[in-house]
Amino acid sequence: YSRIRQDPRHCDVRDLYTGYADLRAYPDWQMACRPLIAS
């Protein structure tokens, strides 16, 4: 996350949630990616 915050390709980084869980939500995804139509 520290590396991401320093990446110049984006700005206005806003923390939405930080928490802890017993298990991963995405155990098999080194990074899944999905495009969305935001509007």
PDB file of all heavy atoms in Angstrom:
ATOM      1  N   TYR A   1       0.832  -1.206   0.000  1.00  0.00           N
ATOM      2  CA  TYR A   1       0.000   0.000   0.000  1.00  0.00           C
ATOM      3  C   TYR A   1       0.869   1.259   0.000  1.00  0.00           C
ATOM      4  O   TYR A   1       0.541   2.244  -0.683  1.00  0.00           O
ATOM      5  CB  TYR A   1      -0.960  -0.016   1.188  1.00  0.00           C
ATOM      6  CG  TYR A   1      -1.995   1.078   1.142  1.00  0.00           C
ATOM      7  CD1 TYR A   1      -2.703   1.367  -0.018  1.00  0.00           C
ATOM      8  CD2 TYR A   1      -2.271   1.835   2.271  1.00  0.00           C
ATOM      9  CE1 TYR A   1      -3.657   2.363  -0.060  1.00  0.00           C
ATOM     10  CE2 TYR A   1      -3.232   2.832   2.241  1.00  0.00           C
ATOM     11  CZ  TYR A   1      -3.915   3.099   1.070  1.00  0.00           C
ATOM     12  OH  TYR A   1      -4.864   4.097   1.037  1.00  0.00           O
ATOM     13  N   SER A   2       1.974   1.244   0.686  1.00  0.00           N
ATOM     14  CA  SER A   2       2.883   2.381   0.682  1.00  0.00           C
ATOM     15  C   SER A   2       3.411   2.641  -0.730  1.00  0.00           C
ATOM     16  O   SER A   2       3.489   3.785  -1.180  1.00  0.00           O
ATOM     17  CB  SER A   2       4.046   2.115   1.644  1.00  0.00           C
ATOM     18  OG  SER A   2       4.989   3.151   1.578  1.00  0.00           O
ATOM     19  N   ARG A   3       3.746   1.576  -1.440  1.00  0.00           N
ATOM     20  CA  ARG A   3       4.216   1.716  -2.826  1.00  0.00           C
ATOM     21  C   ARG A   3       3.109   2.286  -3.716  1.00  0.00           C
ATOM     22  O   ARG A   3       3.367   3.125  -4.581  1.00  0.00           O
ATOM     23  CB  ARG A   3       4.660   0.365  -3.373  1.00  0.00           C
ATOM     24  CG  ARG A   3       5.926  -0.156  -2.744  1.00  0.00           C
ATOM     25  CD  ARG A   3       6.229  -1.548  -3.251  1.00  0.00           C
ATOM     26  NE  ARG A   3       7.392  -2.096  -2.593  1.00  0.00           N
ATOM     27  CZ  ARG A   3       8.328  -2.787  -3.205  1.00  0.00           C
ATOM     28  NH1 ARG A   3       8.233  -3.047  -4.495  1.00  0.00           N
ATOM     29  NH2 ARG A   3       9.357  -3.239  -2.526  1.00  0.00           N
ATOM     30  N   ILE A   4       1.891   1.813  -3.516  1.00  0.00           N
ATOM     31  CA  ILE A   4       0.762   2.287  -4.319  1.00  0.00           C
ATOM     32  C   ILE A   4       0.545   3.781  -4.086  1.00  0.00           C
ATOM     33  O   ILE A   4       0.326   4.541  -5.030  1.00  0.00           O
ATOM     34  CB  ILE A   4      -0.513   1.486  -3.968  1.00  0.00           C
ATOM     35  CG1 ILE A   4      -0.392   0.065  -4.514  1.00  0.00           C
ATOM     36  CG2 ILE A   4      -1.762   2.182  -4.479  1.00  0.00           C
ATOM     37  CD1 ILE A   4      -1.437  -0.898  -3.998  1.00  0.00           C
ATOM     38  N   ARG A   5       0.589   4.207  -2.838  1.00  0.00           N
ATOM     39  CA  ARG A   5       0.353   5.618  -2.502  1.00  0.00           C
ATOM     40  C   ARG A   5       1.378   6.542  -3.160  1.00  0.00           C
ATOM     41  O   ARG A   5       1.100   7.710  -3.401  1.00  0.00           O
ATOM     42  CB  ARG A   5       0.350   5.818  -1.001  1.00  0.00           C
ATOM     43  CG  ARG A   5      -0.860   5.184  -0.320  1.00  0.00           C
ATOM     44  CD  ARG A   5      -0.910   5.476   1.162  1.00  0.00           C
ATOM     45  NE  ARG A   5      -1.152   6.873   1.424  1.00  0.00           N
ATOM     46  CZ  ARG A   5      -2.346   7.467   1.420  1.00  0.00           C
ATOM     47  NH1 ARG A   5      -3.414   6.768   1.171  1.00  0.00           N
ATOM     48  NH2 ARG A   5      -2.463   8.753   1.678  1.00  0.00           N
ATOM     49  N   GLN A   6       2.562   6.022  -3.475  1.00  0.00           N
ATOM     50  CA  GLN A   6       3.618   6.828  -4.085  1.00  0.00           C
ATOM     51  C   GLN A   6       3.610   6.765  -5.616  1.00  0.00           C
ATOM     52  O   GLN A   6       4.374   7.474  -6.267  1.00  0.00           O
ATOM     53  CB  GLN A   6       4.977   6.370  -3.564  1.00  0.00           C
ATOM     54  CG  GLN A   6       5.143   6.603  -2.075  1.00  0.00           C
ATOM     55  CD  GLN A   6       6.415   5.989  -1.533  1.00  0.00           C
ATOM     56  OE1 GLN A   6       7.404   5.842  -2.240  1.00  0.00           O
ATOM     57  NE2 GLN A   6       6.397   5.623  -0.260  1.00  0.00           N
ATOM     58  N   ASP A   7       2.751   5.960  -6.188  1.00  0.00           N
ATOM     59  CA  ASP A   7       2.695   5.790  -7.638  1.00  0.00           C
ATOM     60  C   ASP A   7       2.135   7.065  -8.281  1.00  0.00           C
ATOM     61  O   ASP A   7       1.019   7.476  -7.967  1.00  0.00           O
ATOM     62  CB  ASP A   7       1.803   4.586  -7.973  1.00  0.00           C
ATOM     63  CG  ASP A   7       1.845   4.211  -9.436  1.00  0.00           C
ATOM     64  OD1 ASP A   7       1.946   5.110 -10.302  1.00  0.00           O
ATOM     65  OD2 ASP A   7       1.750   3.015  -9.725  1.00  0.00           O
ATOM     66  N   PRO A   8       2.872   7.698  -9.191  1.00  0.00           N
ATOM     67  CA  PRO A   8       2.422   8.960  -9.788  1.00  0.00           C
ATOM     68  C   PRO A   8       1.278   8.818 -10.795  1.00  0.00           C
ATOM     69  O   PRO A   8       0.747   9.826 -11.252  1.00  0.00           O
ATOM     70  CB  PRO A   8       3.684   9.495 -10.469  1.00  0.00           C
ATOM     71  CG  PRO A   8       4.474   8.272 -10.803  1.00  0.00           C
ATOM     72  CD  PRO A   8       4.196   7.302  -9.669  1.00  0.00           C
ATOM     73  N   ARG A   9       0.885   7.593 -11.115  1.00  0.00           N
ATOM     74  CA  ARG A   9      -0.202   7.412 -12.076  1.00  0.00           C
ATOM     75  C   ARG A   9      -1.574   7.675 -11.476  1.00  0.00           C
ATOM     76  O   ARG A   9      -2.574   7.670 -12.186  1.00  0.00           O
ATOM     77  CB  ARG A   9      -0.173   6.011 -12.672  1.00  0.00           C
ATOM     78  CG  ARG A   9       1.032   5.772 -13.573  1.00  0.00           C
ATOM     79  CD  ARG A   9       1.093   4.354 -14.000  1.00  0.00           C
ATOM     80  NE  ARG A   9       1.422   3.519 -12.841  1.00  0.00           N
ATOM     81  CZ  ARG A   9       1.750   2.244 -12.901  1.00  0.00           C
ATOM     82  NH1 ARG A   9       1.783   1.639 -14.073  1.00  0.00           N
ATOM     83  NH2 ARG A   9       2.045   1.569 -11.819  1.00  0.00           N
ATOM     84  N   HIS A  10      -1.617   7.900 -10.160  1.00  0.00           N
ATOM     85  CA  HIS A  10      -2.899   8.224  -9.552  1.00  0.00           C
ATOM     86  C   HIS A  10      -2.710   9.200  -8.393  1.00  0.00           C
ATOM     87  O   HIS A  10      -1.611   9.419  -7.907  1.00  0.00           O
ATOM     88  CB  HIS A  10      -3.682   6.976  -9.136  1.00  0.00           C
ATOM     89  CG  HIS A  10      -3.017   6.128  -8.123  1.00  0.00           C
ATOM     90  ND1 HIS A  10      -3.681   5.235  -7.351  1.00  0.00           N
ATOM     91  CD2 HIS A  10      -1.727   6.039  -7.726  1.00  0.00           C
ATOM     92  CE1 HIS A  10      -2.856   4.626  -6.543  1.00  0.00           C
ATOM     93  NE2 HIS A  10      -1.666   5.090  -6.756  1.00  0.00           N
ATOM     94  N   CYS A  11      -3.816   9.826  -8.015  1.00  0.00           N
ATOM     95  CA  CYS A  11      -3.795  10.826  -6.956  1.00  0.00           C
ATOM     96  C   CYS A  11      -5.076  10.682  -6.136  1.00  0.00           C
ATOM     97  O   CYS A  11      -5.901   9.828  -6.419  1.00  0.00           O
ATOM     98  CB  CYS A  11      -3.698  12.235  -7.537  1.00  0.00           C
ATOM     99  SG  CYS A  11      -5.142  12.709  -8.521  1.00  0.00           S
ATOM    100  N   ASP A  12      -5.224  11.547  -5.163  1.00  0.00           N
ATOM    101  CA  ASP A  12      -6.433  11.559  -4.338  1.00  0.00           C
ATOM    102  C   ASP A  12      -6.722  10.168  -3.772  1.00  0.00           C
ATOM    103  O   ASP A  12      -7.847   9.671  -3.834  1.00  0.00           O
ATOM    104  CB  ASP A  12      -7.621  12.093  -5.146  1.00  0.00           C
ATOM    105  CG  ASP A  12      -8.798  12.480  -4.270  1.00  0.00           C
ATOM    106  OD1 ASP A  12      -8.598  12.720  -3.062  1.00  0.00           O
ATOM    107  OD2 ASP A  12      -9.931  12.512  -4.788  1.00  0.00           O
ATOM    108  N   VAL A  13      -5.658   9.518  -3.266  1.00  0.00           N
ATOM    109  CA  VAL A  13      -5.811   8.186  -2.683  1.00  0.00           C
ATOM    110  C   VAL A  13      -6.576   8.340  -1.374  1.00  0.00           C
ATOM    111  O   VAL A  13      -6.176   9.093  -0.498  1.00  0.00           O
ATOM    112  CB  VAL A  13      -4.440   7.524  -2.432  1.00  0.00           C
ATOM    113  CG1 VAL A  13      -4.615   6.152  -1.805  1.00  0.00           C
ATOM    114  CG2 VAL A  13      -3.653   7.422  -3.740  1.00  0.00           C
ATOM    115  N   ARG A  14      -7.682   7.629  -1.275  1.00  0.00           N
ATOM    116  CA  ARG A  14      -8.540   7.734  -0.097  1.00  0.00           C
ATOM    117  C   ARG A  14      -8.726   6.363   0.539  1.00  0.00           C
ATOM    118  O   ARG A  14      -9.200   5.432  -0.116  1.00  0.00           O
ATOM    119  CB  ARG A  14      -9.894   8.302  -0.506  1.00  0.00           C
ATOM    120  CG  ARG A  14     -10.822   8.468   0.661  1.00  0.00           C
ATOM    121  CD  ARG A  14     -12.054   9.221   0.290  1.00  0.00           C
ATOM    122  NE  ARG A  14     -12.936   9.240   1.444  1.00  0.00           N
ATOM    123  CZ  ARG A  14     -14.223   9.448   1.384  1.00  0.00           C
ATOM    124  NH1 ARG A  14     -14.801   9.687   0.229  1.00  0.00           N
ATOM    125  NH2 ARG A  14     -14.951   9.433   2.467  1.00  0.00           N
ATOM    126  N   ASP A  15      -8.350   6.245   1.807  1.00  0.00           N
ATOM    127  CA  ASP A  15      -8.567   5.002   2.543  1.00  0.00           C
ATOM    128  C   ASP A  15     -10.056   4.845   2.794  1.00  0.00           C
ATOM    129  O   ASP A  15     -10.698   5.747   3.325  1.00  0.00           O
ATOM    130  CB  ASP A  15      -7.841   5.038   3.893  1.00  0.00           C
ATOM    131  CG  ASP A  15      -6.336   5.187   3.743  1.00  0.00           C
ATOM    132  OD1 ASP A  15      -5.818   4.949   2.649  1.00  0.00           O
ATOM    133  OD2 ASP A  15      -5.687   5.553   4.742  1.00  0.00           O
ATOM    134  N   LEU A  16     -10.603   3.703   2.404  1.00  0.00           N
ATOM    135  CA  LEU A  16     -12.026   3.441   2.616  1.00  0.00           C
ATOM    136  C   LEU A  16     -12.266   2.486   3.776  1.00  0.00           C
ATOM    137  O   LEU A  16     -13.260   2.599   4.480  1.00  0.00           O
ATOM    138  CB  LEU A  16     -12.652   2.857   1.348  1.00  0.00           C
ATOM    139  CG  LEU A  16     -12.542   3.703   0.093  1.00  0.00           C
ATOM    140  CD1 LEU A  16     -13.214   3.006  -1.068  1.00  0.00           C
ATOM    141  CD2 LEU A  16     -13.138   5.078   0.309  1.00  0.00           C
ATOM    142  N   TYR A  17     -11.352   1.532   3.940  1.00  0.00           N
ATOM    143  CA  TYR A  17     -11.537   0.548   5.000  1.00  0.00           C
ATOM    144  C   TYR A  17     -10.209  -0.110   5.311  1.00  0.00           C
ATOM    145  O   TYR A  17      -9.448  -0.454   4.409  1.00  0.00           O
ATOM    146  CB  TYR A  17     -12.540  -0.526   4.565  1.00  0.00           C
ATOM    147  CG  TYR A  17     -12.691  -1.646   5.566  1.00  0.00           C
ATOM    148  CD1 TYR A  17     -13.471  -1.489   6.700  1.00  0.00           C
ATOM    149  CD2 TYR A  17     -12.034  -2.858   5.375  1.00  0.00           C
ATOM    150  CE1 TYR A  17     -13.590  -2.516   7.631  1.00  0.00           C
ATOM    151  CE2 TYR A  17     -12.157  -3.888   6.295  1.00  0.00           C
ATOM    152  CZ  TYR A  17     -12.932  -3.708   7.416  1.00  0.00           C
ATOM    153  OH  TYR A  17     -13.050  -4.717   8.346  1.00  0.00           O
ATOM    154  N   THR A  18      -9.927  -0.280   6.579  1.00  0.00           N
ATOM    155  CA  THR A  18      -8.815  -1.100   7.037  1.00  0.00           C
ATOM    156  C   THR A  18      -9.353  -1.979   8.153  1.00  0.00           C
ATOM    157  O   THR A  18      -9.989  -1.477   9.089  1.00  0.00           O
ATOM    158  CB  THR A  18      -7.653  -0.240   7.583  1.00  0.00           C
ATOM    159  OG1 THR A  18      -7.176   0.597   6.526  1.00  0.00           O
ATOM    160  CG2 THR A  18      -6.509  -1.121   8.074  1.00  0.00           C
ATOM    161  N   GLY A  19      -9.158  -3.273   8.027  1.00  0.00           N
ATOM    162  CA  GLY A  19      -9.653  -4.198   9.033  1.00  0.00           C
ATOM    163  C   GLY A  19      -8.896  -5.508   8.975  1.00  0.00           C
ATOM    164  O   GLY A  19      -7.934  -5.655   8.213  1.00  0.00           O
ATOM    165  N   TYR A  20      -9.340  -6.442   9.783  1.00  0.00           N
ATOM    166  CA  TYR A  20      -8.675  -7.741   9.888  1.00  0.00           C
ATOM    167  C   TYR A  20      -9.707  -8.845   9.756  1.00  0.00           C
ATOM    168  O   TYR A  20     -10.855  -8.687  10.165  1.00  0.00           O
ATOM    169  CB  TYR A  20      -7.934  -7.846  11.230  1.00  0.00           C
ATOM    170  CG  TYR A  20      -6.826  -6.843  11.331  1.00  0.00           C
ATOM    171  CD1 TYR A  20      -7.071  -5.551  11.790  1.00  0.00           C
ATOM    172  CD2 TYR A  20      -5.538  -7.168  10.920  1.00  0.00           C
ATOM    173  CE1 TYR A  20      -6.046  -4.618  11.857  1.00  0.00           C
ATOM    174  CE2 TYR A  20      -4.516  -6.233  10.983  1.00  0.00           C
ATOM    175  CZ  TYR A  20      -4.785  -4.959  11.447  1.00  0.00           C
ATOM    176  OH  TYR A  20      -3.783  -4.035  11.494  1.00  0.00           O
ATOM    177  N   ALA A  21      -9.286  -9.954   9.178  1.00  0.00           N
ATOM    178  CA  ALA A  21     -10.170 -11.102   8.987  1.00  0.00           C
ATOM    179  C   ALA A  21      -9.384 -12.372   9.301  1.00  0.00           C
ATOM    180  O   ALA A  21      -8.145 -12.378   9.274  1.00  0.00           O
ATOM    181  CB  ALA A  21     -10.682 -11.148   7.550  1.00  0.00           C
ATOM    182  N   ASP A  22     -10.113 -13.426   9.594  1.00  0.00           N
ATOM    183  CA  ASP A  22      -9.460 -14.714   9.834  1.00  0.00           C
ATOM    184  C   ASP A  22      -8.987 -15.350   8.533  1.00  0.00           C
ATOM    185  O   ASP A  22      -7.967 -16.034   8.501  1.00  0.00           O
ATOM    186  CB  ASP A  22     -10.417 -15.673  10.550  1.00  0.00           C
ATOM    187  CG  ASP A  22     -10.719 -15.227  11.965  1.00  0.00           C
ATOM    188  OD1 ASP A  22      -9.831 -14.611  12.607  1.00  0.00           O
ATOM    189  OD2 ASP A  22     -11.842 -15.468  12.435  1.00  0.00           O
ATOM    190  N   LEU A  23      -9.731 -15.116   7.454  1.00  0.00           N
ATOM    191  CA  LEU A  23      -9.421 -15.713   6.156  1.00  0.00           C
ATOM    192  C   LEU A  23      -9.408 -14.646   5.078  1.00  0.00           C
ATOM    193  O   LEU A  23     -10.102 -13.630   5.186  1.00  0.00           O
ATOM    194  CB  LEU A  23     -10.470 -16.771   5.795  1.00  0.00           C
ATOM    195  CG  LEU A  23     -10.614 -17.946   6.758  1.00  0.00           C
ATOM    196  CD1 LEU A  23     -11.812 -18.796   6.369  1.00  0.00           C
ATOM    197  CD2 LEU A  23      -9.336 -18.787   6.765  1.00  0.00           C
ATOM    198  N   ARG A  24      -8.673 -14.904   4.019  1.00  0.00           N
ATOM    199  CA  ARG A  24      -8.650 -14.000   2.868  1.00  0.00           C
ATOM    200  C   ARG A  24      -9.958 -14.088   2.087  1.00  0.00           C
ATOM    201  O   ARG A  24     -10.524 -15.170   1.933  1.00  0.00           O
ATOM    202  CB  ARG A  24      -7.504 -14.359   1.934  1.00  0.00           C
ATOM    203  CG  ARG A  24      -6.127 -14.138   2.517  1.00  0.00           C
ATOM    204  CD  ARG A  24      -5.067 -14.677   1.562  1.00  0.00           C
ATOM    205  NE  ARG A  24      -3.760 -14.623   2.161  1.00  0.00           N
ATOM    206  CZ  ARG A  24      -2.814 -13.750   1.811  1.00  0.00           C
ATOM    207  NH1 ARG A  24      -3.049 -12.887   0.848  1.00  0.00           N
ATOM    208  NH2 ARG A  24      -1.645 -13.752   2.413  1.00  0.00           N
ATOM    209  N   ALA A  25     -10.382 -12.975   1.556  1.00  0.00           N
ATOM    210  CA  ALA A  25     -11.539 -12.952   0.660  1.00  0.00           C
ATOM    211  C   ALA A  25     -11.143 -13.442  -0.736  1.00  0.00           C
ATOM    212  O   ALA A  25     -11.962 -13.978  -1.463  1.00  0.00           O
ATOM    213  CB  ALA A  25     -12.119 -11.540   0.579  1.00  0.00           C
ATOM    214  N   TYR A  26      -9.878 -13.245  -1.110  1.00  0.00           N
ATOM    215  CA  TYR A  26      -9.386 -13.588  -2.448  1.00  0.00           C
ATOM    216  C   TYR A  26      -8.114 -14.425  -2.343  1.00  0.00           C
ATOM    217  O   TYR A  26      -7.035 -13.998  -2.775  1.00  0.00           O
ATOM    218  CB  TYR A  26      -9.116 -12.302  -3.247  1.00  0.00           C
ATOM    219  CG  TYR A  26     -10.308 -11.383  -3.260  1.00  0.00           C
ATOM    220  CD1 TYR A  26     -10.357 -10.268  -2.433  1.00  0.00           C
ATOM    221  CD2 TYR A  26     -11.401 -11.650  -4.065  1.00  0.00           C
ATOM    222  CE1 TYR A  26     -11.465  -9.438  -2.424  1.00  0.00           C
ATOM    223  CE2 TYR A  26     -12.504 -10.828  -4.055  1.00  0.00           C
ATOM    224  CZ  TYR A  26     -12.530  -9.726  -3.235  1.00  0.00           C
ATOM    225  OH  TYR A  26     -13.627  -8.913  -3.223  1.00  0.00           O
ATOM    226  N   PRO A  27      -8.189 -15.634  -1.786  1.00  0.00           N
ATOM    227  CA  PRO A  27      -6.971 -16.413  -1.514  1.00  0.00           C
ATOM    228  C   PRO A  27      -6.185 -16.813  -2.758  1.00  0.00           C
ATOM    229  O   PRO A  27      -4.974 -17.012  -2.672  1.00  0.00           O
ATOM    230  CB  PRO A  27      -7.490 -17.641  -0.777  1.00  0.00           C
ATOM    231  CG  PRO A  27      -8.921 -17.776  -1.190  1.00  0.00           C
ATOM    232  CD  PRO A  27      -9.390 -16.365  -1.409  1.00  0.00           C
ATOM    233  N   ASP A  28      -6.836 -16.909  -3.892  1.00  0.00           N
ATOM    234  CA  ASP A  28      -6.163 -17.390  -5.101  1.00  0.00           C
ATOM    235  C   ASP A  28      -5.870 -16.289  -6.112  1.00  0.00           C
ATOM    236  O   ASP A  28      -5.430 -16.580  -7.216  1.00  0.00           O
ATOM    237  CB  ASP A  28      -7.011 -18.473  -5.770  1.00  0.00           C
ATOM    238  CG  ASP A  28      -7.241 -19.658  -4.849  1.00  0.00           C
ATOM    239  OD1 ASP A  28      -6.301 -20.034  -4.121  1.00  0.00           O
ATOM    240  OD2 ASP A  28      -8.366 -20.190  -4.844  1.00  0.00           O
ATOM    241  N   TRP A  29      -6.123 -15.037  -5.759  1.00  0.00           N
ATOM    242  CA  TRP A  29      -5.956 -13.946  -6.717  1.00  0.00           C
ATOM    243  C   TRP A  29      -4.800 -13.046  -6.304  1.00  0.00           C
ATOM    244  O   TRP A  29      -4.938 -12.240  -5.388  1.00  0.00           O
ATOM    245  CB  TRP A  29      -7.224 -13.101  -6.792  1.00  0.00           C
ATOM    246  CG  TRP A  29      -8.412 -13.787  -7.367  1.00  0.00           C
ATOM    247  CD1 TRP A  29      -8.481 -15.033  -7.908  1.00  0.00           C
ATOM    248  CD2 TRP A  29      -9.731 -13.257  -7.452  1.00  0.00           C
ATOM    249  NE1 TRP A  29      -9.751 -15.311  -8.327  1.00  0.00           N
ATOM    250  CE2 TRP A  29     -10.546 -14.232  -8.061  1.00  0.00           C
ATOM    251  CE3 TRP A  29     -10.310 -12.054  -7.077  1.00  0.00           C
ATOM    252  CZ2 TRP A  29     -11.895 -14.039  -8.308  1.00  0.00           C
ATOM    253  CZ3 TRP A  29     -11.659 -11.859  -7.319  1.00  0.00           C
ATOM    254  CH2 TRP A  29     -12.430 -12.842  -7.935  1.00  0.00           C
ATOM    255  N   GLN A  30      -3.642 -13.167  -6.984  1.00  0.00           N
ATOM    256  CA  GLN A  30      -2.547 -12.241  -6.703  1.00  0.00           C
ATOM    257  C   GLN A  30      -2.994 -10.816  -6.997  1.00  0.00           C
ATOM    258  O   GLN A  30      -2.544  -9.889  -6.372  1.00  0.00           O
ATOM    259  CB  GLN A  30      -1.294 -12.594  -7.510  1.00  0.00           C
ATOM    260  CG  GLN A  30      -0.442 -13.659  -6.864  1.00  0.00           C
ATOM    261  CD  GLN A  30      -1.159 -14.985  -6.748  1.00  0.00           C
ATOM    262  OE1 GLN A  30      -1.820 -15.428  -7.685  1.00  0.00           O
ATOM    263  NE2 GLN A  30      -1.046 -15.610  -5.602  1.00  0.00           N
ATOM    264  N   MET A  31      -3.875 -10.666  -7.953  1.00  0.00           N
ATOM    265  CA  MET A  31      -4.591  -9.412  -8.182  1.00  0.00           C
ATOM    266  C   MET A  31      -5.562  -9.649  -9.324  1.00  0.00           C
ATOM    267  O   MET A  31      -5.175  -9.695 -10.479  1.00  0.00           O
ATOM    268  CB  MET A  31      -3.649  -8.251  -8.528  1.00  0.00           C
ATOM    269  CG  MET A  31      -4.366  -6.911  -8.630  1.00  0.00           C
ATOM    270  SD  MET A  31      -5.423  -6.486  -7.202  1.00  0.00           S
ATOM    271  CE  MET A  31      -4.305  -6.567  -5.848  1.00  0.00           C
ATOM    272  N   ALA A  32      -6.811  -9.830  -8.963  1.00  0.00           N
ATOM    273  CA  ALA A  32      -7.845  -9.928  -9.978  1.00  0.00           C
ATOM    274  C   ALA A  32      -8.199  -8.514 -10.413  1.00  0.00           C
ATOM    275  O   ALA A  32      -7.987  -7.554  -9.671  1.00  0.00           O
ATOM    276  CB  ALA A  32      -9.077 -10.632  -9.413  1.00  0.00           C
ATOM    277  N   CYS A  33      -8.729  -8.385 -11.591  1.00  0.00           N
ATOM    278  CA  CYS A  33      -9.027  -7.053 -12.117  1.00  0.00           C
ATOM    279  C   CYS A  33     -10.346  -7.096 -12.867  1.00  0.00           C
ATOM    280  O   CYS A  33     -10.586  -8.014 -13.659  1.00  0.00           O
ATOM    281  CB  CYS A  33      -7.897  -6.624 -13.043  1.00  0.00           C
ATOM    282  SG  CYS A  33      -8.059  -4.968 -13.685  1.00  0.00           S
ATOM    283  N   ARG A  34     -11.184  -6.111 -12.609  1.00  0.00           N
ATOM    284  CA  ARG A  34     -12.464  -6.022 -13.290  1.00  0.00           C
ATOM    285  C   ARG A  34     -12.715  -4.590 -13.740  1.00  0.00           C
ATOM    286  O   ARG A  34     -12.629  -3.667 -12.930  1.00  0.00           O
ATOM    287  CB  ARG A  34     -13.614  -6.431 -12.355  1.00  0.00           C
ATOM    288  CG  ARG A  34     -13.532  -7.855 -11.852  1.00  0.00           C
ATOM    289  CD  ARG A  34     -13.868  -8.850 -12.963  1.00  0.00           C
ATOM    290  NE  ARG A  34     -13.873 -10.188 -12.442  1.00  0.00           N
ATOM    291  CZ  ARG A  34     -12.867 -11.038 -12.533  1.00  0.00           C
ATOM    292  NH1 ARG A  34     -11.761 -10.675 -13.094  1.00  0.00           N
ATOM    293  NH2 ARG A  34     -12.955 -12.260 -12.061  1.00  0.00           N
ATOM    294  N   PRO A  35     -13.031  -4.383 -15.008  1.00  0.00           N
ATOM    295  CA  PRO A  35     -13.424  -3.043 -15.445  1.00  0.00           C
ATOM    296  C   PRO A  35     -14.886  -2.799 -15.071  1.00  0.00           C
ATOM    297  O   PRO A  35     -15.703  -3.717 -15.089  1.00  0.00           O
ATOM    298  CB  PRO A  35     -13.244  -3.105 -16.959  1.00  0.00           C
ATOM    299  CG  PRO A  35     -13.457  -4.550 -17.294  1.00  0.00           C
ATOM    300  CD  PRO A  35     -12.971  -5.340 -16.105  1.00  0.00           C
ATOM    301  N   LEU A  36     -15.196  -1.583 -14.711  1.00  0.00           N
ATOM    302  CA  LEU A  36     -16.572  -1.207 -14.397  1.00  0.00           C
ATOM    303  C   LEU A  36     -16.937   0.029 -15.194  1.00  0.00           C
ATOM    304  O   LEU A  36     -16.081   0.846 -15.507  1.00  0.00           O
ATOM    305  CB  LEU A  36     -16.728  -0.874 -12.914  1.00  0.00           C
ATOM    306  CG  LEU A  36     -16.402  -1.968 -11.911  1.00  0.00           C
ATOM    307  CD1 LEU A  36     -16.550  -1.414 -10.508  1.00  0.00           C
ATOM    308  CD2 LEU A  36     -17.309  -3.163 -12.104  1.00  0.00           C
ATOM    309  N   ILE A  37     -18.194   0.160 -15.484  1.00  0.00           N
ATOM    310  CA  ILE A  37     -18.706   1.409 -16.020  1.00  0.00           C
ATOM    311  C   ILE A  37     -19.231   2.164 -14.809  1.00  0.00           C
ATOM    312  O   ILE A  37     -20.247   1.791 -14.228  1.00  0.00           O
ATOM    313  CB  ILE A  37     -19.806   1.175 -17.065  1.00  0.00           C
ATOM    314  CG1 ILE A  37     -19.231   0.400 -18.253  1.00  0.00           C
ATOM    315  CG2 ILE A  37     -20.395   2.503 -17.521  1.00  0.00           C
ATOM    316  CD1 ILE A  37     -20.253  -0.024 -19.278  1.00  0.00           C
ATOM    317  N   ALA A  38     -18.495   3.179 -14.400  1.00  0.00           N
ATOM    318  CA  ALA A  38     -18.759   3.823 -13.114  1.00  0.00           C
ATOM    319  C   ALA A  38     -19.996   4.712 -13.117  1.00  0.00           C
ATOM    320  O   ALA A  38     -20.464   5.102 -12.075  1.00  0.00           O
ATOM    321  CB  ALA A  38     -17.549   4.629 -12.672  1.00  0.00           C
ATOM    322  N   SER A  39     -20.536   5.065 -14.261  1.00  0.00           N
ATOM    323  CA  SER A  39     -21.719   5.925 -14.289  1.00  0.00           C
ATOM    324  C   SER A  39     -22.859   5.196 -14.987  1.00  0.00           C
ATOM    325  O   SER A  39     -23.011   5.286 -16.190  1.00  0.00           O
ATOM    326  CB  SER A  39     -21.417   7.232 -15.019  1.00  0.00           C
ATOM    327  OG  SER A  39     -20.397   7.932 -14.375  1.00  0.00           O
TER     328      SER A  39
END
